[in-house]
All heavy atoms as atom14 arrays in JSON, in Angstrom:
{
  "sequence": "YARPQWLEELTPRWRFAQRKLLARPRDAEFTIADIPLLDEAAELL",
  "atom14_mask": [
    [1, 1, 1, 1, 1, 1, 1, 1, 1, 1, 1, 1, 0, 0],
    [1, 1, 1, 1, 1, 0, 0, 0, 0, 0, 0, 0, 0, 0],
    [1, 1, 1, 1, 1, 1, 1, 1, 1, 1, 1, 0, 0, 0],
    [1, 1, 1, 1, 1, 1, 1, 0, 0, 0, 0, 0, 0, 0],
    [1, 1, 1, 1, 1, 1, 1, 1, 1, 0, 0, 0, 0, 0],
    [1, 1, 1, 1, 1, 1, 1, 1, 1, 1, 1, 1, 1, 1],
    [1, 1, 1, 1, 1, 1, 1, 1, 0, 0, 0, 0, 0, 0],
    [1, 1, 1, 1, 1, 1, 1, 1, 1, 0, 0, 0, 0, 0],
    [1, 1, 1, 1, 1, 1, 1, 1, 1, 0, 0, 0, 0, 0],
    [1, 1, 1, 1, 1, 1, 1, 1, 0, 0, 0, 0, 0, 0],
    [1, 1, 1, 1, 1, 1, 1, 0, 0, 0, 0, 0, 0, 0],
    [1, 1, 1, 1, 1, 1, 1, 0, 0, 0, 0, 0, 0, 0],
    [1, 1, 1, 1, 1, 1, 1, 1, 1, 1, 1, 0, 0, 0],
    [1, 1, 1, 1, 1, 1, 1, 1, 1, 1, 1, 1, 1, 1],
    [1, 1, 1, 1, 1, 1, 1, 1, 1, 1, 1, 0, 0, 0],
    [1, 1, 1, 1, 1, 1, 1, 1, 1, 1, 1, 0, 0, 0],
    [1, 1, 1, 1, 1, 0, 0, 0, 0, 0, 0, 0, 0, 0],
    [1, 1, 1, 1, 1, 1, 1, 1, 1, 0, 0, 0, 0, 0],
    [1, 1, 1, 1, 1, 1, 1, 1, 1, 1, 1, 0, 0, 0],
    [1, 1, 1, 1, 1, 1, 1, 1, 1, 0, 0, 0, 0, 0],
    [1, 1, 1, 1, 1, 1, 1, 1, 0, 0, 0, 0, 0, 0],
    [1, 1, 1, 1, 1, 1, 1, 1, 0, 0, 0, 0, 0, 0],
    [1, 1, 1, 1, 1, 0, 0, 0, 0, 0, 0, 0, 0, 0],
    [1, 1, 1, 1, 1, 1, 1, 1, 1, 1, 1, 0, 0, 0],
    [1, 1, 1, 1, 1, 1, 1, 0, 0, 0, 0, 0, 0, 0],
    [1, 1, 1, 1, 1, 1, 1, 1, 1, 1, 1, 0, 0, 0],
    [1, 1, 1, 1, 1, 1, 1, 1, 0, 0, 0, 0, 0, 0],
    [1, 1, 1, 1, 1, 0, 0, 0, 0, 0, 0, 0, 0, 0],
    [1, 1, 1, 1, 1, 1, 1, 1, 1, 0, 0, 0, 0, 0],
    [1, 1, 1, 1, 1, 1, 1, 1, 1, 1, 1, 0, 0, 0],
    [1, 1, 1, 1, 1, 1, 1, 0, 0, 0, 0, 0, 0, 0],
    [1, 1, 1, 1, 1, 1, 1, 1, 0, 0, 0, 0, 0, 0],
    [1, 1, 1, 1, 1, 0, 0, 0, 0, 0, 0, 0, 0, 0],
    [1, 1, 1, 1, 1, 1, 1, 1, 0, 0, 0, 0, 0, 0],
    [1, 1, 1, 1, 1, 1, 1, 1, 0, 0, 0, 0, 0, 0],
    [1, 1, 1, 1, 1, 1, 1, 0, 0, 0, 0, 0, 0, 0],
    [1, 1, 1, 1, 1, 1, 1, 1, 0, 0, 0, 0, 0, 0],
    [1, 1, 1, 1, 1, 1, 1, 1, 0, 0, 0, 0, 0, 0],
    [1, 1, 1, 1, 1, 1, 1, 1, 0, 0, 0, 0, 0, 0],
    [1, 1, 1, 1, 1, 1, 1, 1, 1, 0, 0, 0, 0, 0],
    [1, 1, 1, 1, 1, 0, 0, 0, 0, 0, 0, 0, 0, 0],
    [1, 1, 1, 1, 1, 0, 0, 0, 0, 0, 0, 0, 0, 0],
    [1, 1, 1, 1, 1, 1, 1, 1, 1, 0, 0, 0, 0, 0],
    [1, 1, 1, 1, 1, 1, 1, 1, 0, 0, 0, 0, 0, 0],
    [1, 1, 1, 1, 1, 1, 1, 1, 0, 0, 0, 0, 0, 0]
  ],
  "atom14_positions": [
    [[126.96, -30.25, -15.58], [127.69, -29.14, -16.14], [127.65, -27.93, -15.21], [128.62, -27.14, -15.18], [127.11, -28.76, -17.48], [127.29, -29.75, -18.58], [126.39, -29.82, -19.64], [128.37, -30.65, -18.57], [126.57, -30.8, -20.69], [128.5, -31.61, -19.61], [127.58, -31.65, -20.63], [127.75, -32.57, -21.64], [0.0, 0.0, 0.0], [0.0, 0.0, 0.0]],
    [[126.53, -27.72, -14.49], [126.35, -26.49, -13.73], [126.76, -26.57, -12.31], [126.76, -25.58, -11.6], [124.84, -26.04, -13.83], [0.0, 0.0, 0.0], [0.0, 0.0, 0.0], [0.0, 0.0, 0.0], [0.0, 0.0, 0.0], [0.0, 0.0, 0.0], [0.0, 0.0, 0.0], [0.0, 0.0, 0.0], [0.0, 0.0, 0.0], [0.0, 0.0, 0.0]],
    [[127.14, -27.76, -11.81], [127.54, -27.95, -10.41], [129.01, -28.46, -10.37], [129.26, -29.63, -10.35], [126.61, -28.92, -9.72], [125.17, -28.4, -9.6], [124.25, -29.49, -9.15], [124.64, -30.05, -7.85], [124.09, -31.09, -7.26], [123.1, -31.71, -7.8], [124.48, -31.49, -6.08], [0.0, 0.0, 0.0], [0.0, 0.0, 0.0], [0.0, 0.0, 0.0]],
    [[129.95, -27.51, -10.33], [131.33, -27.9, -10.37], [131.8, -28.77, -9.19], [132.68, -29.59, -9.38], [132.12, -26.52, -10.33], [131.08, -25.55, -9.84], [129.76, -26.05, -10.29], [0.0, 0.0, 0.0], [0.0, 0.0, 0.0], [0.0, 0.0, 0.0], [0.0, 0.0, 0.0], [0.0, 0.0, 0.0], [0.0, 0.0, 0.0], [0.0, 0.0, 0.0]],
    [[131.2, -28.58, -8.02], [131.55, -29.43, -6.9], [131.19, -30.91, -7.09], [131.95, -31.79, -6.77], [130.89, -28.89, -5.62], [131.38, -29.61, -4.39], [130.78, -29.02, -3.13], [130.15, -27.94, -3.12], [131.03, -29.66, -1.96], [0.0, 0.0, 0.0], [0.0, 0.0, 0.0], [0.0, 0.0, 0.0], [0.0, 0.0, 0.0], [0.0, 0.0, 0.0]],
    [[130.01, -31.14, -7.68], [129.58, -32.46, -7.95], [130.48, -33.1, -8.99], [130.89, -34.25, -8.88], [128.11, -32.48, -8.46], [127.53, -33.84, -8.65], [127.85, -35.0, -7.95], [126.58, -34.23, -9.63], [127.12, -36.09, -8.49], [126.34, -35.63, -9.46], [125.87, -33.57, -10.63], [125.43, -36.33, -10.3], [124.96, -34.22, -11.39], [124.74, -35.61, -11.23]],
    [[130.76, -32.3, -10.03], [131.65, -32.86, -11.14], [133.04, -33.22, -10.55], [133.66, -34.23, -10.92], [131.77, -31.84, -12.25], [132.72, -32.24, -13.42], [132.17, -33.45, -14.1], [132.74, -31.08, -14.42], [0.0, 0.0, 0.0], [0.0, 0.0, 0.0], [0.0, 0.0, 0.0], [0.0, 0.0, 0.0], [0.0, 0.0, 0.0], [0.0, 0.0, 0.0]],
    [[133.54, -32.37, -9.61], [134.81, -32.63, -9.01], [134.78, -33.93, -8.21], [135.73, -34.71, -8.2], [135.25, -31.49, -8.13], [136.63, -31.63, -7.6], [137.08, -30.43, -6.74], [136.33, -29.4, -6.74], [138.16, -30.47, -6.15], [0.0, 0.0, 0.0], [0.0, 0.0, 0.0], [0.0, 0.0, 0.0], [0.0, 0.0, 0.0], [0.0, 0.0, 0.0]],
    [[133.69, -34.16, -7.51], [133.54, -35.39, -6.69], [133.59, -36.64, -7.64], [134.13, -37.66, -7.23], [132.24, -35.41, -5.95], [132.13, -34.38, -4.83], [130.75, -34.33, -4.22], [129.85, -35.14, -4.66], [130.49, -33.46, -3.35], [0.0, 0.0, 0.0], [0.0, 0.0, 0.0], [0.0, 0.0, 0.0], [0.0, 0.0, 0.0], [0.0, 0.0, 0.0]],
    [[133.02, -36.51, -8.8], [132.93, -37.64, -9.77], [134.21, -37.86, -10.53], [134.43, -38.95, -11.1], [131.79, -37.37, -10.75], [130.34, -37.37, -10.12], [129.37, -36.89, -11.18], [129.97, -38.72, -9.58], [0.0, 0.0, 0.0], [0.0, 0.0, 0.0], [0.0, 0.0, 0.0], [0.0, 0.0, 0.0], [0.0, 0.0, 0.0], [0.0, 0.0, 0.0]],
    [[135.1, -36.82, -10.63], [136.22, -36.9, -11.46], [137.53, -36.57, -10.66], [138.21, -35.57, -11.02], [136.1, -35.96, -12.67], [135.92, -34.65, -12.2], [134.99, -36.4, -13.56], [0.0, 0.0, 0.0], [0.0, 0.0, 0.0], [0.0, 0.0, 0.0], [0.0, 0.0, 0.0], [0.0, 0.0, 0.0], [0.0, 0.0, 0.0], [0.0, 0.0, 0.0]],
    [[137.87, -37.29, -9.61], [139.01, -36.91, -8.77], [140.34, -36.91, -9.51], [141.28, -36.25, -9.07], [138.96, -37.93, -7.61], [138.17, -39.12, -8.24], [137.24, -38.52, -9.11], [0.0, 0.0, 0.0], [0.0, 0.0, 0.0], [0.0, 0.0, 0.0], [0.0, 0.0, 0.0], [0.0, 0.0, 0.0], [0.0, 0.0, 0.0], [0.0, 0.0, 0.0]],
    [[140.44, -37.7, -10.62], [141.68, -37.82, -11.32], [141.79, -36.86, -12.5], [142.8, -36.84, -13.17], [141.9, -39.24, -11.79], [142.01, -40.24, -10.64], [142.29, -41.63, -11.18], [142.37, -42.59, -10.1], [142.64, -43.87, -10.26], [142.82, -44.4, -11.48], [142.7, -44.72, -9.21], [0.0, 0.0, 0.0], [0.0, 0.0, 0.0], [0.0, 0.0, 0.0]],
    [[140.72, -36.08, -12.75], [140.75, -35.15, -13.87], [141.56, -33.95, -13.43], [141.65, -33.57, -12.28], [139.34, -34.71, -14.21], [138.57, -35.68, -15.05], [138.73, -37.05, -15.06], [137.5, -35.4, -15.96], [137.84, -37.62, -15.92], [137.07, -36.62, -16.48], [136.9, -34.23, -16.32], [136.01, -36.71, -17.37], [135.87, -34.24, -17.25], [135.45, -35.47, -17.76]],
    [[142.12, -33.25, -14.5], [142.74, -31.98, -14.27], [141.65, -30.85, -14.2], [140.58, -31.05, -14.76], [143.72, -31.65, -15.38], [144.85, -32.62, -15.55], [145.88, -32.18, -16.54], [145.23, -31.89, -17.86], [145.01, -32.8, -18.8], [145.35, -34.03, -18.58], [144.44, -32.42, -19.94], [0.0, 0.0, 0.0], [0.0, 0.0, 0.0], [0.0, 0.0, 0.0]],
    [[141.99, -29.81, -13.5], [141.04, -28.67, -13.42], [140.62, -28.16, -14.82], [139.51, -27.85, -15.05], [141.68, -27.54, -12.59], [140.85, -26.28, -12.56], [139.72, -26.18, -11.75], [141.16, -25.19, -13.42], [138.97, -25.03, -11.71], [140.37, -24.02, -13.4], [139.26, -23.97, -12.53], [0.0, 0.0, 0.0], [0.0, 0.0, 0.0], [0.0, 0.0, 0.0]],
    [[141.58, -28.14, -15.71], [141.34, -27.63, -17.07], [140.29, -28.51, -17.8], [139.51, -27.98, -18.58], [142.63, -27.53, -17.84], [0.0, 0.0, 0.0], [0.0, 0.0, 0.0], [0.0, 0.0, 0.0], [0.0, 0.0, 0.0], [0.0, 0.0, 0.0], [0.0, 0.0, 0.0], [0.0, 0.0, 0.0], [0.0, 0.0, 0.0], [0.0, 0.0, 0.0]],
    [[140.33, -29.79, -17.49], [139.35, -30.7, -18.18], [137.93, -30.41, -17.62], [136.96, -30.31, -18.38], [139.66, -32.13, -17.88], [140.84, -32.7, -18.68], [141.12, -34.14, -18.33], [141.59, -34.46, -17.25], [140.88, -35.01, -19.29], [0.0, 0.0, 0.0], [0.0, 0.0, 0.0], [0.0, 0.0, 0.0], [0.0, 0.0, 0.0], [0.0, 0.0, 0.0]],
    [[137.82, -30.26, -16.31], [136.49, -29.95, -15.75], [135.98, -28.57, -16.26], [134.76, -28.42, -16.51], [136.55, -29.92, -14.21], [136.93, -31.28, -13.57], [136.77, -31.22, -12.1], [137.45, -32.37, -11.48], [138.66, -32.25, -10.86], [139.26, -31.1, -10.79], [139.24, -33.32, -10.37], [0.0, 0.0, 0.0], [0.0, 0.0, 0.0], [0.0, 0.0, 0.0]],
    [[136.86, -27.67, -16.39], [136.45, -26.33, -16.83], [135.86, -26.36, -18.23], [134.97, -25.59, -18.61], [137.66, -25.37, -16.81], [137.28, -23.95, -17.04], [138.47, -23.02, -16.86], [138.09, -21.56, -17.04], [139.26, -20.7, -16.94], [0.0, 0.0, 0.0], [0.0, 0.0, 0.0], [0.0, 0.0, 0.0], [0.0, 0.0, 0.0], [0.0, 0.0, 0.0]],
    [[136.32, -27.33, -19.08], [135.71, -27.44, -20.42], [134.26, -27.76, -20.39], [133.49, -27.39, -21.35], [136.51, -28.48, -21.21], [137.93, -28.15, -21.62], [138.6, -29.39, -22.25], [137.97, -27.03, -22.59], [0.0, 0.0, 0.0], [0.0, 0.0, 0.0], [0.0, 0.0, 0.0], [0.0, 0.0, 0.0], [0.0, 0.0, 0.0], [0.0, 0.0, 0.0]],
    [[133.79, -28.5, -19.37], [132.42, -28.9, -19.29], [131.53, -27.88, -18.63], [130.31, -28.01, -18.7], [132.3, -30.27, -18.58], [132.91, -31.48, -19.23], [132.63, -32.75, -18.4], [132.45, -31.63, -20.68], [0.0, 0.0, 0.0], [0.0, 0.0, 0.0], [0.0, 0.0, 0.0], [0.0, 0.0, 0.0], [0.0, 0.0, 0.0], [0.0, 0.0, 0.0]],
    [[132.13, -26.95, -17.92], [131.28, -25.95, -17.13], [130.51, -25.09, -18.06], [131.0, -24.51, -19.07], [132.23, -25.08, -16.28], [0.0, 0.0, 0.0], [0.0, 0.0, 0.0], [0.0, 0.0, 0.0], [0.0, 0.0, 0.0], [0.0, 0.0, 0.0], [0.0, 0.0, 0.0], [0.0, 0.0, 0.0], [0.0, 0.0, 0.0], [0.0, 0.0, 0.0]],
    [[129.18, -24.91, -17.76], [128.32, -24.03, -18.49], [127.03, -23.83, -17.68], [126.69, -24.64, -16.79], [128.01, -24.62, -19.85], [127.05, -25.77, -19.88], [126.79, -26.25, -21.27], [125.66, -27.21, -21.32], [125.44, -27.99, -22.32], [126.25, -28.06, -23.37], [124.42, -28.81, -22.32], [0.0, 0.0, 0.0], [0.0, 0.0, 0.0], [0.0, 0.0, 0.0]],
    [[126.24, -22.75, -18.0], [125.03, -22.49, -17.21], [124.01, -23.61, -17.43], [124.0, -24.27, -18.45], [124.53, -21.16, -17.8], [125.69, -20.56, -18.53], [126.58, -21.68, -18.92], [0.0, 0.0, 0.0], [0.0, 0.0, 0.0], [0.0, 0.0, 0.0], [0.0, 0.0, 0.0], [0.0, 0.0, 0.0], [0.0, 0.0, 0.0], [0.0, 0.0, 0.0]],
    [[123.17, -23.73, -16.45], [122.1, -24.79, -16.51], [121.21, -24.63, -17.72], [120.68, -25.62, -18.24], [121.33, -24.76, -15.24], [120.4, -25.99, -15.0], [119.65, -25.9, -13.71], [120.53, -25.72, -12.61], [121.16, -26.69, -11.95], [120.95, -27.98, -12.35], [121.93, -26.48, -10.92], [0.0, 0.0, 0.0], [0.0, 0.0, 0.0], [0.0, 0.0, 0.0]],
    [[120.96, -23.43, -18.13], [119.95, -23.14, -19.21], [120.62, -23.12, -20.63], [119.93, -22.79, -21.59], [119.23, -21.9, -18.97], [120.1, -20.67, -18.91], [121.36, -20.82, -18.91], [119.56, -19.53, -18.81], [0.0, 0.0, 0.0], [0.0, 0.0, 0.0], [0.0, 0.0, 0.0], [0.0, 0.0, 0.0], [0.0, 0.0, 0.0], [0.0, 0.0, 0.0]],
    [[121.89, -23.46, -20.7], [122.55, -23.48, -22.04], [121.91, -24.55, -22.89], [121.61, -25.64, -22.4], [124.02, -23.67, -21.89], [0.0, 0.0, 0.0], [0.0, 0.0, 0.0], [0.0, 0.0, 0.0], [0.0, 0.0, 0.0], [0.0, 0.0, 0.0], [0.0, 0.0, 0.0], [0.0, 0.0, 0.0], [0.0, 0.0, 0.0], [0.0, 0.0, 0.0]],
    [[121.86, -24.35, -24.19], [121.23, -25.32, -25.07], [122.19, -26.51, -25.26], [123.37, -26.36, -25.16], [120.92, -24.71, -26.47], [122.1, -24.25, -27.21], [121.72, -23.67, -28.61], [121.15, -24.4, -29.42], [121.94, -22.45, -28.81], [0.0, 0.0, 0.0], [0.0, 0.0, 0.0], [0.0, 0.0, 0.0], [0.0, 0.0, 0.0], [0.0, 0.0, 0.0]],
    [[121.57, -27.63, -25.5], [122.32, -28.86, -25.72], [123.07, -28.8, -27.05], [122.49, -28.28, -28.01], [121.48, -30.13, -25.67], [121.01, -30.43, -24.21], [119.67, -30.31, -23.94], [121.9, -30.81, -23.26], [119.19, -30.6, -22.63], [121.46, -31.1, -21.99], [120.15, -30.99, -21.64], [0.0, 0.0, 0.0], [0.0, 0.0, 0.0], [0.0, 0.0, 0.0]],
    [[124.23, -29.33, -27.1], [125.0, -29.36, -28.33], [124.95, -30.75, -28.97], [124.49, -31.71, -28.38], [126.48, -29.02, -28.06], [127.05, -30.0, -27.2], [126.63, -27.66, -27.34], [0.0, 0.0, 0.0], [0.0, 0.0, 0.0], [0.0, 0.0, 0.0], [0.0, 0.0, 0.0], [0.0, 0.0, 0.0], [0.0, 0.0, 0.0], [0.0, 0.0, 0.0]],
    [[125.52, -30.84, -30.17], [125.55, -32.14, -30.89], [126.29, -33.17, -30.08], [125.91, -34.36, -30.0], [126.17, -31.97, -32.28], [125.22, -31.12, -33.15], [126.43, -33.29, -32.96], [125.82, -30.71, -34.48], [0.0, 0.0, 0.0], [0.0, 0.0, 0.0], [0.0, 0.0, 0.0], [0.0, 0.0, 0.0], [0.0, 0.0, 0.0], [0.0, 0.0, 0.0]],
    [[127.43, -32.74, -29.43], [128.23, -33.66, -28.63], [127.49, -34.1, -27.35], [127.86, -35.1, -26.75], [129.58, -33.04, -28.28], [0.0, 0.0, 0.0], [0.0, 0.0, 0.0], [0.0, 0.0, 0.0], [0.0, 0.0, 0.0], [0.0, 0.0, 0.0], [0.0, 0.0, 0.0], [0.0, 0.0, 0.0], [0.0, 0.0, 0.0], [0.0, 0.0, 0.0]],
    [[126.41, -33.4, -26.98], [125.65, -33.78, -25.77], [124.7, -34.95, -26.07], [124.27, -35.66, -25.12], [124.83, -32.59, -25.26], [125.72, -31.52, -24.61], [126.75, -31.93, -23.99], [125.34, -30.36, -24.66], [0.0, 0.0, 0.0], [0.0, 0.0, 0.0], [0.0, 0.0, 0.0], [0.0, 0.0, 0.0], [0.0, 0.0, 0.0], [0.0, 0.0, 0.0]],
    [[124.3, -35.11, -27.32], [123.28, -36.07, -27.65], [123.69, -37.53, -27.24], [122.9, -38.21, -26.56], [122.95, -36.05, -29.16], [122.33, -34.65, -29.51], [122.01, -37.17, -29.55], [121.03, -34.33, -28.79], [0.0, 0.0, 0.0], [0.0, 0.0, 0.0], [0.0, 0.0, 0.0], [0.0, 0.0, 0.0], [0.0, 0.0, 0.0], [0.0, 0.0, 0.0]],
    [[124.87, -37.99, -27.5], [125.27, -39.3, -27.06], [125.28, -39.42, -25.51], [124.98, -40.48, -24.91], [126.65, -39.54, -27.63], [126.75, -38.62, -28.75], [125.95, -37.42, -28.37], [0.0, 0.0, 0.0], [0.0, 0.0, 0.0], [0.0, 0.0, 0.0], [0.0, 0.0, 0.0], [0.0, 0.0, 0.0], [0.0, 0.0, 0.0], [0.0, 0.0, 0.0]],
    [[125.66, -38.31, -24.81], [125.62, -38.33, -23.37], [124.18, -38.37, -22.81], [123.96, -39.1, -21.81], [126.34, -37.07, -22.86], [127.77, -36.85, -23.38], [128.38, -35.64, -22.68], [128.62, -38.03, -23.17], [0.0, 0.0, 0.0], [0.0, 0.0, 0.0], [0.0, 0.0, 0.0], [0.0, 0.0, 0.0], [0.0, 0.0, 0.0], [0.0, 0.0, 0.0]],
    [[123.27, -37.69, -23.41], [121.87, -37.79, -23.04], [121.36, -39.24, -23.22], [120.65, -39.77, -22.4], [121.01, -36.83, -23.82], [121.17, -35.35, -23.54], [120.44, -34.5, -24.56], [120.6, -35.04, -22.12], [0.0, 0.0, 0.0], [0.0, 0.0, 0.0], [0.0, 0.0, 0.0], [0.0, 0.0, 0.0], [0.0, 0.0, 0.0], [0.0, 0.0, 0.0]],
    [[121.71, -39.82, -24.38], [121.29, -41.21, -24.68], [121.9, -42.18, -23.69], [121.24, -43.09, -23.25], [121.68, -41.53, -26.07], [120.9, -42.72, -26.62], [119.69, -42.62, -26.85], [121.48, -43.83, -26.74], [0.0, 0.0, 0.0], [0.0, 0.0, 0.0], [0.0, 0.0, 0.0], [0.0, 0.0, 0.0], [0.0, 0.0, 0.0], [0.0, 0.0, 0.0]],
    [[123.17, -41.95, -23.31], [123.84, -42.83, -22.36], [123.11, -42.73, -21.01], [122.86, -43.79, -20.39], [125.25, -42.42, -22.2], [126.17, -43.41, -21.53], [126.6, -44.58, -22.38], [126.7, -44.38, -23.61], [126.83, -45.66, -21.87], [0.0, 0.0, 0.0], [0.0, 0.0, 0.0], [0.0, 0.0, 0.0], [0.0, 0.0, 0.0], [0.0, 0.0, 0.0]],
    [[122.76, -41.55, -20.65], [122.08, -41.32, -19.33], [120.66, -42.0, -19.38], [120.23, -42.64, -18.43], [121.88, -39.84, -19.04], [0.0, 0.0, 0.0], [0.0, 0.0, 0.0], [0.0, 0.0, 0.0], [0.0, 0.0, 0.0], [0.0, 0.0, 0.0], [0.0, 0.0, 0.0], [0.0, 0.0, 0.0], [0.0, 0.0, 0.0], [0.0, 0.0, 0.0]],
    [[119.98, -41.83, -20.55], [118.63, -42.44, -20.65], [118.72, -43.95, -20.53], [117.79, -44.56, -19.98], [118.02, -41.99, -21.99], [0.0, 0.0, 0.0], [0.0, 0.0, 0.0], [0.0, 0.0, 0.0], [0.0, 0.0, 0.0], [0.0, 0.0, 0.0], [0.0, 0.0, 0.0], [0.0, 0.0, 0.0], [0.0, 0.0, 0.0], [0.0, 0.0, 0.0]],
    [[119.78, -44.54, -21.07], [119.92, -45.98, -20.99], [120.08, -46.49, -19.56], [119.57, -47.55, -19.21], [121.18, -46.38, -21.77], [121.23, -47.85, -22.14], [120.29, -48.27, -23.25], [119.65, -47.37, -23.87], [120.16, -49.46, -23.49], [0.0, 0.0, 0.0], [0.0, 0.0, 0.0], [0.0, 0.0, 0.0], [0.0, 0.0, 0.0], [0.0, 0.0, 0.0]],
    [[120.68, -45.64, -18.71], [120.91, -46.02, -17.38], [119.74, -45.58, -16.41], [119.52, -46.21, -15.44], [122.21, -45.38, -16.81], [123.48, -45.83, -17.53], [124.69, -45.01, -17.07], [123.77, -47.3, -17.25], [0.0, 0.0, 0.0], [0.0, 0.0, 0.0], [0.0, 0.0, 0.0], [0.0, 0.0, 0.0], [0.0, 0.0, 0.0], [0.0, 0.0, 0.0]],
    [[119.07, -44.51, -16.81], [118.0, -43.96, -15.99], [116.67, -44.69, -16.22], [115.91, -44.91, -15.3], [117.81, -42.45, -16.23], [118.95, -41.6, -15.75], [118.73, -40.13, -16.24], [119.1, -41.58, -14.23], [0.0, 0.0, 0.0], [0.0, 0.0, 0.0], [0.0, 0.0, 0.0], [0.0, 0.0, 0.0], [0.0, 0.0, 0.0], [0.0, 0.0, 0.0]]
  ]
}
């Protein structure tokens, strides 16, 4: 969320507006919609 250049590398087909929706400071609290993403990452990590 906090590194727009990395997100752009990972999503070359996304629109700028889509990437902007995910942008937020590194210390922002996790939201309910983040929980499945954390779990997905944990499954792979």
